[in-house]
Each structure stands twice: as C-alpha cells, then as structure tokens.
C-alpha atoms as a PDB file:
ATOM      1  CA  UNK A   1     129.281  95.334 105.859  1.00  0.00           C
ATOM      2  CA  UNK A   2     127.507  92.125 104.480  1.00  0.00           C
ATOM      3  CA  UNK A   3     125.814  92.900 100.791  1.00  0.00           C
ATOM      4  CA  UNK A   4     122.286  92.532 100.398  1.00  0.00           C
ATOM      5  CA  UNK A   5     120.614  89.665  98.925  1.00  0.00           C
ATOM      6  CA  UNK A   6     117.215  88.200  97.731  1.00  0.00           C
ATOM      7  CA  UNK A   7     117.589  85.175  98.850  1.00  0.00           C
ATOM      8  CA  UNK A   8     119.691  83.454 100.968  1.00  0.00           C
ATOM      9  CA  UNK A   9     120.326  79.313 101.644  1.00  0.00           C
ATOM     10  CA  UNK A  10     120.466  77.923 104.997  1.00  0.00           C
ATOM     11  CA  UNK A  11     122.050  74.799 106.205  1.00  0.00           C
ATOM     12  CA  UNK A  12     123.195  73.419 109.847  1.00  0.00           C
ATOM     13  CA  UNK A  13     126.605  74.545 109.174  1.00  0.00           C
ATOM     14  CA  UNK A  14     124.070  78.387 108.840  1.00  0.00           C
ATOM     15  CA  UNK A  15     124.262  80.691 105.863  1.00  0.00           C
ATOM     16  CA  UNK A  16     126.282  79.345 102.622  1.00  0.00           C
ATOM     17  CA  UNK A  17     129.082  81.384 101.937  1.00  0.00           C
ATOM     18  CA  UNK A  18     128.432  83.534 104.732  1.00  0.00           C
ATOM     19  CA  UNK A  19     132.469  84.098 106.741  1.00  0.00           C
ATOM     20  CA  UNK A  20     132.151  85.270 110.330  1.00  0.00           C
ATOM     21  CA  UNK A  21     135.335  87.367 111.464  1.00  0.00           C
ATOM     22  CA  UNK A  22     134.947  86.342 115.450  1.00  0.00           C
ATOM     23  CA  UNK A  23     133.819  82.745 115.158  1.00  0.00           C
ATOM     24  CA  UNK A  24     136.740  81.212 112.460  1.00  0.00           C
ATOM     25  CA  UNK A  25     139.749  83.595 113.820  1.00  0.00           C
ATOM     26  CA  UNK A  26     138.736  83.822 117.872  1.00  0.00           C
ATOM     27  CA  UNK A  27     137.018  81.356 118.366  1.00  0.00           C
ATOM     28  CA  UNK A  28     139.480  79.314 115.652  1.00  0.00           C
ATOM     29  CA  UNK A  29     136.895  77.630 113.208  1.00  0.00           C
ATOM     30  CA  UNK A  30     134.152  76.225 115.740  1.00  0.00           C
ATOM     31  CA  UNK A  31     131.686  74.190 113.561  1.00  0.00           C
ATOM     32  CA  UNK A  32     129.201  75.970 115.980  1.00  0.00           C
ATOM     33  CA  UNK A  33     127.014  78.407 114.021  1.00  0.00           C
ATOM     34  CA  UNK A  34     123.655  80.976 114.229  1.00  0.00           C
ATOM     35  CA  UNK A  35     121.892  83.063 112.233  1.00  0.00           C
ATOM     36  CA  UNK A  36     122.068  86.699 113.055  1.00  0.00           C
ATOM     37  CA  UNK A  37     118.680  88.222 112.139  1.00  0.00           C
ATOM     38  CA  UNK A  38     117.851  91.746 113.053  1.00  0.00           C
ATOM     39  CA  UNK A  39     114.295  93.779 113.243  1.00  0.00           C
ATOM     40  CA  UNK A  40     113.755  96.270 111.122  1.00  0.00           C
ATOM     41  CA  UNK A  41     112.080  97.565 114.618  1.00  0.00           C
ATOM     42  CA  UNK A  42     115.452  97.009 116.667  1.00  0.00           C
ATOM     43  CA  UNK A  43     116.823  98.578 113.236  1.00  0.00           C
ATOM     44  CA  UNK A  44     115.800 101.707 113.437  1.00  0.00           C
ATOM     45  CA  UNK A  45     115.856 102.473 116.559  1.00  0.00           C
ATOM     46  CA  UNK A  46     119.986 101.807 116.689  1.00  0.00           C
ATOM     47  CA  UNK A  47     119.865 104.542 114.544  1.00  0.00           C
ATOM     48  CA  UNK A  48     118.400 106.866 116.858  1.00  0.00           C
ATOM     49  CA  UNK A  49     121.000 105.915 119.867  1.00  0.00           C
ATOM     50  CA  UNK A  50     123.285 108.963 120.605  1.00  0.00           C
ATOM     51  CA  UNK A  51     120.705 111.667 119.076  1.00  0.00           C
ATOM     52  CA  UNK A  52     121.127 110.006 116.328  1.00  0.00           C
ATOM     53  CA  UNK A  53     125.242 110.272 115.722  1.00  0.00           C
ATOM     54  CA  UNK A  54     125.611 106.692 115.544  1.00  0.00           C
ATOM     55  CA  UNK A  55     124.214 107.207 111.973  1.00  0.00           C
ATOM     56  CA  UNK A  56     125.480 109.810 110.893  1.00  0.00           C
ATOM     57  CA  UNK A  57     129.060 109.363 111.727  1.00  0.00           C
ATOM     58  CA  UNK A  58     131.965 108.200 109.216  1.00  0.00           C
ATOM     59  CA  UNK A  59     130.100 107.047 106.893  1.00  0.00           C
ATOM     60  CA  UNK A  60     126.150 106.304 108.688  1.00  0.00           C
ATOM     61  CA  UNK A  61     124.608 103.158 109.819  1.00  0.00           C
ATOM     62  CA  UNK A  62     123.404 101.064 107.331  1.00  0.00           C
ATOM     63  CA  UNK A  63     121.978  97.987 106.266  1.00  0.00           C
ATOM     64  CA  UNK A  64     124.853  95.307 106.334  1.00  0.00           C
ATOM     65  CA  UNK A  65     127.097  97.032 108.534  1.00  0.00           C
ATOM     66  CA  UNK A  66     126.049  94.832 112.314  1.00  0.00           C
ATOM     67  CA  UNK A  67     126.957  91.579 110.812  1.00  0.00           C
ATOM     68  CA  UNK A  68     123.202  90.350 109.923  1.00  0.00           C
ATOM     69  CA  UNK A  69     122.154  87.298 108.059  1.00  0.00           C
ATOM     70  CA  UNK A  70     118.428  88.099 107.179  1.00  0.00           C
ATOM     71  CA  UNK A  71     116.749  91.753 108.241  1.00  0.00           C
ATOM     72  CA  UNK A  72     113.639  91.450 108.670  1.00  0.00           C
ATOM     73  CA  UNK A  73     110.805  94.260 108.678  1.00  0.00           C
ATOM     74  CA  UNK A  74     106.696  93.198 108.777  1.00  0.00           C
ATOM     75  CA  UNK A  75     107.865  91.156 112.041  1.00  0.00           C
ATOM     76  CA  UNK A  76     108.766  92.870 115.783  1.00  0.00           C
ATOM     77  CA  UNK A  77     111.926  91.984 117.238  1.00  0.00           C
ATOM     78  CA  UNK A  78     109.306  90.319 120.024  1.00  0.00           C
ATOM     79  CA  UNK A  79     108.650  87.937 118.142  1.00  0.00           C
ATOM     80  CA  UNK A  80     111.529  86.082 117.409  1.00  0.00           C
ATOM     81  CA  UNK A  81     112.919  83.074 120.561  1.00  0.00           C
ATOM     82  CA  UNK A  82     117.183  82.084 120.801  1.00  0.00           C
ATOM     83  CA  UNK A  83     116.731  78.251 119.794  1.00  0.00           C
ATOM     84  CA  UNK A  84     112.972  78.814 117.595  1.00  0.00           C
ATOM     85  CA  UNK A  85     113.097  77.873 113.530  1.00  0.00           C
ATOM     86  CA  UNK A  86     110.806  80.347 111.626  1.00  0.00           C
ATOM     87  CA  UNK A  87     109.650  79.936 108.095  1.00  0.00           C
ATOM     88  CA  UNK A  88     109.223  83.197 105.873  1.00  0.00           C
ATOM     89  CA  UNK A  89     107.360  83.963 102.478  1.00  0.00           C
ATOM     90  CA  UNK A  90     108.417  86.493 100.003  1.00  0.00           C
ATOM     91  CA  UNK A  91     106.160  90.324  99.883  1.00  0.00           C
ATOM     92  CA  UNK A  92     104.784  89.616  97.032  1.00  0.00           C
ATOM     93  CA  UNK A  93     102.334  92.099  94.829  1.00  0.00           C
ATOM     94  CA  UNK A  94      99.852  89.260  96.004  1.00  0.00           C
ATOM     95  CA  UNK A  95     100.393  89.359  99.844  1.00  0.00           C
ATOM     96  CA  UNK A  96     102.155  90.871 102.380  1.00  0.00           C
ATOM     97  CA  UNK A  97     104.259  88.445 103.330  1.00  0.00           C
ATOM     98  CA  UNK A  98     104.340  85.908 106.464  1.00  0.00           C
ATOM     99  CA  UNK A  99     106.553  85.104 109.064  1.00  0.00           C
ATOM    100  CA  UNK A 100     105.420  81.956 111.167  1.00  0.00           C
ATOM    101  CA  UNK A 101     106.765  79.401 113.474  1.00  0.00           C
ATOM    102  CA  UNK A 102     108.147  75.992 113.040  1.00  0.00           C
ATOM    103  CA  UNK A 103     108.550  73.273 116.006  1.00  0.00           C
ATOM    104  CA  UNK A 104     110.626  70.709 113.042  1.00  0.00           C
END
C-alpha cells in the first residue's frame, strides 16, 4: 500500500522516491518507468466487485492498495489515453480543479 502524499514530483524516471517491486525484481531494475493513475470511478467499481467482498475482505480495499501513484477524483477513466500527457491543477476553495491534455 502506498501512502497518500499532497504532491509528487515526476521525471522521466517516474515518480521520485517510488519503488516498484515488479520492475525492480522481475524486470531486473529496468529503466522503463510508468506512472499508475487510478480514477475514482474505477476505484469505486473495484469496491463493488464480487458483491463488495473484495472491499470487505481482510483489512479491506483502500486507496493505495493497487500501487497507484495518482488517484484522480472528478475525471473519469475514459478521459485518459495510454501514452497521454496530462496537466492537473489542484482543487481549491476558488475553483473545482482542472484537467487537460498536453502535447508537449
């Protein structure tokens, strides 16, 4: 389970400080990196699988259990495309947040 952080730093090497067991052990420390984005709609769906038993089993399913680097609320899964670049602004008392695609 990954801990929630208020902000992350991302570079071509992935998320700073992130450890991925699969990429380190099974892929022998490959330099290839990815950022795992999970949307709230998918997280909510996972909690309903098998009559909700997945969410209730053991300690229960909570955010971070799937190793996601970013959990996004307010943007559905269908917004994202593999290989896409995205820019997010935080939600504040003055706005509802923003998500946009970027070609750079």
